[in-house]
Amino acid sequence: MKNRLKHPLVFFVFIGIFLATGQRAFYAQNTKKHTVRLKMDYTKIMDSVSYLYIKAFSRVDRENIDVPNIDLTVYNEIDNETIELGSVKTNVSGECKFVLKNFNTITSDSSSNFNLQVKFNGNELYKKASKSISFRDASIETNLITKDSVNYVRAILKDSETDSVLSDQLVQVQVQRLFKPLKIGKEFNMTDENGTILVPVDSDIPGINGQLIIEVILADNDDYGTVKALVNAPIGTPIIEESTFDNRTMWSTRNKTPLFLLIFPNLLIFGIWGIIVYLLVNLFKISKS
């Protein structure tokens, strides 16, 4: 009797496992993977680093959402050859930055273009994706000059491969600030036939110890990406320290409390306790008399 009950029980357990496994396999096969879209921009900072800014997002239910924590691999494409440069992972906002600490680590193709590709190999939620970017190498030479008692920033824009100047290019000039840069010069600064711009700098721009950091930027160019040069200019107006943090004020720290707030409240407290002690002493004398 026990043997007869044992075999049907094993049979039903086997059927349950088979149905559960089949259901998971069916669900996995029918899960729709979303397409990852990659956005990529190239930026070069003169005498510093170059980097790729990468943004990963996907279109889900007619809405763009960020794609966080996915591994991306960056390649350098040279004609028919592909060289892996490294990998990077997106943050919670679907963004990441791949830094080229040494520009010489990448190589241009036969047409002097640098071709970089970013690949995503896919996972259980998203399909494979790739994005390529092509750019040429440009440089910005900057210096400060004074003409008729007016300070100017002069910048020359060149193609680094051919050493030829780049004319009719839109260049931005601005002073670094903590929250938002201060733009100076004309609204549109176009390089002349010599690839040069000349932008006046007002003498009343405040800076720490009179030091200004001026940015000269070729921004979002179709051929060269973004190229930025920084100029340290000791031509600003020194900032006068007007902070009262170290003084005894109402808004200072506890150890900087104003003296009148220490003296008068304590006099009131000691005065009240003195009266109380005086009354108690008199009451004690009355009770003894």
Protein backbone atom coordinates (compact mmCIF):
# COMPACT_ATOMS: atom_id res chain seq x y z
CA MET A 1 0.00 0.00 0.00
CA LYS A 2 2.84 2.37 0.85
CA ASN A 3 4.57 1.68 -2.48
CA ARG A 4 1.36 2.47 -4.38
CA LEU A 5 1.09 5.89 -2.71
CA LYS A 6 4.76 6.68 -3.20
CA HIS A 7 4.84 6.53 -7.01
CA PRO A 8 1.83 8.91 -7.66
CA LEU A 9 3.36 11.42 -5.21
CA VAL A 10 6.67 11.43 -7.08
CA PHE A 11 4.78 11.77 -10.35
CA PHE A 12 2.86 14.86 -9.17
CA VAL A 13 6.05 16.46 -7.78
CA PHE A 14 7.76 15.89 -11.13
CA ILE A 15 4.82 17.43 -13.00
CA GLY A 16 4.88 20.51 -10.68
CA ILE A 17 8.61 21.06 -11.22
CA PHE A 18 8.17 20.69 -14.98
CA LEU A 19 5.32 23.20 -15.11
CA ALA A 20 7.19 25.75 -12.95
CA THR A 21 10.35 25.44 -15.06
CA GLY A 22 8.39 25.70 -18.29
CA GLN A 23 6.52 28.76 -17.03
CA ARG A 24 9.78 30.54 -16.13
CA ALA A 25 11.26 29.67 -19.52
CA PHE A 26 8.13 30.90 -21.30
CA TYR A 27 8.19 34.13 -19.28
CA ALA A 28 11.89 34.67 -20.04
CA GLN A 29 11.33 34.12 -23.75
CA ASN A 30 8.39 36.51 -23.83
CA THR A 31 9.93 39.29 -21.71
CA LYS A 32 10.39 42.27 -23.98
CA LYS A 33 13.82 43.84 -23.83
CA HIS A 34 14.02 47.58 -24.21
CA THR A 35 16.35 49.45 -26.52
CA VAL A 36 19.16 51.48 -24.96
CA ARG A 37 19.95 54.80 -26.60
CA LEU A 38 23.38 56.34 -26.10
CA LYS A 39 24.29 60.00 -26.33
CA MET A 40 27.97 60.91 -26.50
CA ASP A 41 29.95 64.19 -26.51
CA TYR A 42 33.69 64.78 -26.71
CA THR A 43 35.47 67.48 -24.68
CA LYS A 44 39.14 68.48 -24.65
CA ILE A 45 40.66 70.76 -22.00
CA MET A 46 43.95 72.25 -23.11
CA ASP A 47 47.02 71.12 -21.11
CA SER A 48 44.79 68.79 -19.12
CA VAL A 49 42.51 65.85 -19.97
CA SER A 50 40.09 64.85 -22.68
CA TYR A 51 36.94 62.89 -21.96
CA LEU A 52 33.75 61.43 -23.35
CA TYR A 53 30.47 62.34 -21.68
CA ILE A 54 28.04 59.45 -22.15
CA LYS A 55 24.34 59.38 -21.39
CA ALA A 56 22.28 56.18 -21.51
CA PHE A 57 18.49 56.25 -21.67
CA SER A 58 15.61 54.19 -22.97
CA ARG A 59 12.10 54.78 -24.29
CA VAL A 60 9.67 52.88 -22.06
CA ASP A 61 5.90 53.41 -22.21
CA ARG A 62 6.38 56.55 -24.30
CA GLU A 63 8.67 58.07 -21.71
CA ASN A 64 12.45 58.50 -21.64
CA ILE A 65 14.01 56.91 -18.56
CA ASP A 66 17.63 56.84 -17.40
CA VAL A 67 19.50 53.54 -17.62
CA PRO A 68 21.73 53.22 -14.53
CA ASN A 69 24.49 50.76 -13.59
CA ILE A 70 25.27 49.32 -17.01
CA ASP A 71 28.81 48.57 -18.19
CA LEU A 72 29.99 50.34 -21.33
CA THR A 73 33.16 49.57 -23.28
CA VAL A 74 35.01 52.22 -25.27
CA TYR A 75 36.94 51.39 -28.45
CA ASN A 76 39.25 53.30 -30.78
CA GLU A 77 38.47 52.50 -34.42
CA ILE A 78 41.43 52.91 -36.77
CA ASP A 79 40.44 52.13 -40.36
CA ASN A 80 39.91 48.34 -40.17
CA GLU A 81 41.31 47.90 -36.67
CA THR A 82 39.53 48.24 -33.31
CA ILE A 83 41.40 48.79 -30.03
CA GLU A 84 39.72 48.55 -26.63
CA LEU A 85 40.45 51.59 -24.45
CA GLY A 86 38.62 50.61 -21.28
CA SER A 87 35.21 50.43 -19.68
CA VAL A 88 32.99 52.62 -17.53
CA LYS A 89 29.67 52.24 -15.67
CA THR A 90 26.73 54.64 -15.72
CA ASN A 91 25.60 56.24 -12.45
CA VAL A 92 22.05 56.43 -11.09
CA SER A 93 21.26 59.16 -13.64
CA GLY A 94 22.47 57.03 -16.57
CA GLU A 95 25.53 59.26 -17.00
CA CYS A 96 29.26 58.56 -16.98
CA LYS A 97 32.54 60.12 -18.05
CA PHE A 98 35.34 58.20 -19.76
CA VAL A 99 38.57 60.14 -19.24
CA LEU A 100 41.50 60.06 -21.68
CA LYS A 101 44.29 61.19 -19.38
CA ASN A 102 46.75 61.05 -22.25
CA PHE A 103 45.46 62.04 -25.68
CA ASN A 104 48.27 60.00 -27.26
CA THR A 105 46.49 56.81 -26.21
CA ILE A 106 44.13 57.18 -29.19
CA THR A 107 45.09 57.16 -32.87
CA SER A 108 43.54 58.86 -35.86
CA ASP A 109 42.66 57.11 -39.09
CA SER A 110 44.08 57.82 -42.54
CA SER A 111 41.88 60.93 -42.88
CA SER A 112 43.14 62.40 -39.56
CA ASN A 113 39.80 61.72 -37.85
CA PHE A 114 39.61 60.15 -34.40
CA ASN A 115 36.86 57.53 -34.24
CA LEU A 116 35.61 56.28 -30.88
CA GLN A 117 32.85 53.76 -30.29
CA VAL A 118 30.91 52.89 -27.13
CA LYS A 119 29.29 49.46 -26.84
CA PHE A 120 26.77 47.94 -24.45
CA ASN A 121 26.59 44.15 -24.56
CA GLY A 122 23.02 43.95 -23.26
CA ASN A 123 21.48 42.26 -20.23
CA GLU A 124 18.18 40.71 -19.15
CA LEU A 125 16.36 44.05 -19.45
CA TYR A 126 18.03 45.85 -22.36
CA LYS A 127 19.22 44.99 -25.84
CA LYS A 128 22.73 45.51 -27.17
CA ALA A 129 23.59 49.05 -28.23
CA SER A 130 26.48 51.02 -29.66
CA LYS A 131 27.30 54.61 -30.54
CA SER A 132 30.17 56.11 -32.50
CA ILE A 133 31.67 59.58 -32.57
CA SER A 134 34.19 61.10 -34.96
CA PHE A 135 36.20 64.28 -34.44
CA ARG A 136 39.39 66.06 -35.38
CA ASP A 137 41.92 67.45 -32.94
CA ALA A 138 41.92 71.22 -32.41
CA SER A 139 43.96 73.48 -30.13
CA ILE A 140 43.44 76.93 -28.64
CA GLU A 141 46.43 79.19 -27.95
CA THR A 142 45.61 81.99 -25.49
CA ASN A 143 47.39 84.98 -23.96
CA LEU A 144 46.64 88.29 -22.26
CA ILE A 145 47.53 91.61 -23.88
CA THR A 146 47.00 95.24 -22.91
CA LYS A 147 46.17 97.86 -25.49
CA ASP A 148 45.32 101.48 -24.65
CA SER A 149 45.00 100.58 -20.96
CA VAL A 150 42.39 97.92 -21.79
CA ASN A 151 43.03 94.23 -21.07
CA TYR A 152 42.21 91.71 -23.79
CA VAL A 153 42.13 87.96 -24.12
CA ARG A 154 43.53 86.84 -27.43
CA ALA A 155 42.96 83.30 -28.66
CA ILE A 156 44.06 81.50 -31.83
CA LEU A 157 42.16 78.40 -32.96
CA LYS A 158 44.08 75.79 -34.96
CA ASP A 159 43.72 72.31 -36.38
CA SER A 160 46.33 70.27 -34.51
CA GLU A 161 46.95 67.82 -37.33
CA THR A 162 47.57 70.33 -40.12
CA ASP A 163 48.58 73.30 -37.88
CA SER A 164 46.26 75.47 -39.97
CA VAL A 165 44.15 78.22 -38.45
CA LEU A 166 40.36 77.83 -38.25
CA SER A 167 38.40 80.85 -39.37
CA ASP A 168 34.69 81.63 -39.01
CA GLN A 169 34.32 79.50 -35.89
CA LEU A 170 32.07 80.52 -32.99
CA VAL A 171 34.04 80.81 -29.73
CA GLN A 172 32.68 81.60 -26.26
CA VAL A 173 34.63 83.59 -23.68
CA GLN A 174 33.54 83.58 -20.04
CA VAL A 175 34.83 83.97 -16.49
CA GLN A 176 34.53 81.01 -14.15
CA ARG A 177 32.03 81.44 -11.34
CA LEU A 178 30.79 79.09 -8.61
CA PHE A 179 27.26 78.66 -9.99
CA LYS A 180 27.12 80.14 -13.48
CA PRO A 181 29.95 81.51 -15.66
CA LEU A 182 30.01 85.21 -16.51
CA LYS A 183 30.09 85.71 -20.27
CA ILE A 184 32.23 88.58 -21.56
CA GLY A 185 32.73 90.17 -24.94
CA LYS A 186 30.24 90.00 -27.76
CA GLU A 187 27.37 87.58 -27.83
CA PHE A 188 28.98 85.86 -30.84
CA ASN A 189 32.78 85.83 -31.12
CA MET A 190 33.82 84.58 -34.58
CA THR A 191 37.43 83.83 -35.44
CA ASP A 192 38.84 85.99 -38.25
CA GLU A 193 40.85 84.83 -41.26
CA ASN A 194 43.81 84.27 -38.94
CA GLY A 195 41.76 82.09 -36.61
CA THR A 196 41.96 84.79 -33.93
CA ILE A 197 39.54 86.47 -31.55
CA LEU A 198 40.27 89.49 -29.37
CA VAL A 199 37.91 90.02 -26.43
CA PRO A 200 38.15 92.92 -23.92
CA VAL A 201 37.98 92.14 -20.20
CA ASP A 202 36.35 94.67 -17.89
CA SER A 203 38.58 95.88 -15.06
CA ASP A 204 35.80 95.77 -12.45
CA ILE A 205 35.19 92.00 -12.46
CA PRO A 206 35.74 90.78 -8.87
CA GLY A 207 38.05 87.89 -8.15
CA ILE A 208 39.84 86.35 -5.17
CA ASN A 209 43.07 88.35 -4.79
CA GLY A 210 42.20 89.89 -8.15
CA GLN A 211 42.67 86.55 -9.94
CA LEU A 212 40.25 85.58 -12.72
CA ILE A 213 40.01 82.25 -14.53
CA ILE A 214 38.87 82.94 -18.08
CA GLU A 215 37.53 80.15 -20.27
CA VAL A 216 37.85 80.21 -24.05
CA ILE A 217 35.56 77.55 -25.50
CA LEU A 218 34.89 76.11 -28.92
CA ALA A 219 31.58 74.48 -28.00
CA ASP A 220 29.75 71.56 -29.62
CA ASN A 221 31.52 71.88 -32.95
CA ASP A 222 30.51 69.30 -35.55
CA ASP A 223 34.12 68.62 -36.53
CA TYR A 224 36.08 69.16 -33.32
CA GLY A 225 33.66 68.60 -30.44
CA THR A 226 34.22 70.90 -27.48
CA VAL A 227 37.66 72.41 -26.88
CA LYS A 228 38.36 74.54 -23.80
CA ALA A 229 41.36 76.63 -22.77
CA LEU A 230 41.78 78.20 -19.32
CA VAL A 231 43.58 81.51 -18.77
CA ASN A 232 44.73 82.69 -15.32
CA ALA A 233 44.35 86.46 -15.42
CA PRO A 234 45.47 88.68 -12.47
CA ILE A 235 43.44 91.60 -13.81
CA GLY A 236 40.30 91.47 -11.67
CA THR A 237 39.19 93.61 -8.77
CA PRO A 238 40.28 92.07 -5.44
CA ILE A 239 37.38 90.91 -3.30
CA ILE A 240 37.24 92.76 0.02
CA GLU A 241 36.56 90.46 2.94
CA GLU A 242 33.43 91.77 4.65
CA SER A 243 32.52 88.72 6.66
CA THR A 244 31.67 89.26 10.35
CA PHE A 245 31.82 85.56 11.15
CA ASP A 246 34.76 85.99 13.55
CA ASN A 247 33.15 88.95 15.32
CA ARG A 248 30.78 88.78 18.30
CA THR A 249 27.46 88.99 16.46
CA MET A 250 24.00 87.49 16.82
CA TRP A 251 24.64 85.12 13.90
CA SER A 252 28.10 83.92 14.96
CA THR A 253 28.90 80.62 16.63
CA ARG A 254 28.19 79.99 20.33
CA ASN A 255 31.73 80.87 21.46
CA LYS A 256 31.33 84.25 19.70
CA THR A 257 28.19 85.32 21.60
CA PRO A 258 27.98 89.12 22.05
CA LEU A 259 29.14 90.29 25.49
CA PHE A 260 25.86 92.04 26.37
CA LEU A 261 24.03 88.72 25.89
CA LEU A 262 26.42 87.14 28.38
CA ILE A 263 26.46 89.93 31.00
CA PHE A 264 22.85 91.09 31.35
CA PRO A 265 21.10 87.68 31.48
CA ASN A 266 23.62 86.48 34.08
CA LEU A 267 23.11 89.65 36.17
CA LEU A 268 19.35 89.04 36.10
CA ILE A 269 19.78 85.41 37.12
CA PHE A 270 22.13 86.23 40.03
CA GLY A 271 19.86 89.12 41.10
CA ILE A 272 16.76 86.89 41.24
CA TRP A 273 18.58 84.15 43.14
CA GLY A 274 19.98 86.80 45.52
CA ILE A 275 16.45 88.00 46.35
CA ILE A 276 15.27 84.43 46.84
CA VAL A 277 18.17 83.67 49.22
CA TYR A 278 17.52 86.94 51.12
CA LEU A 279 13.84 86.06 51.60
CA LEU A 280 14.68 82.53 52.75
CA VAL A 281 17.18 83.84 55.31
CA ASN A 282 14.62 86.31 56.67
CA LEU A 283 11.93 83.62 56.88
CA PHE A 284 14.36 81.41 58.82
CA LYS A 285 15.10 84.28 61.27
CA ILE A 286 11.36 84.93 61.78
CA SER A 287 10.70 81.27 62.49
CA LYS A 288 13.44 81.26 65.16
CA SER A 289 12.28 84.42 66.90
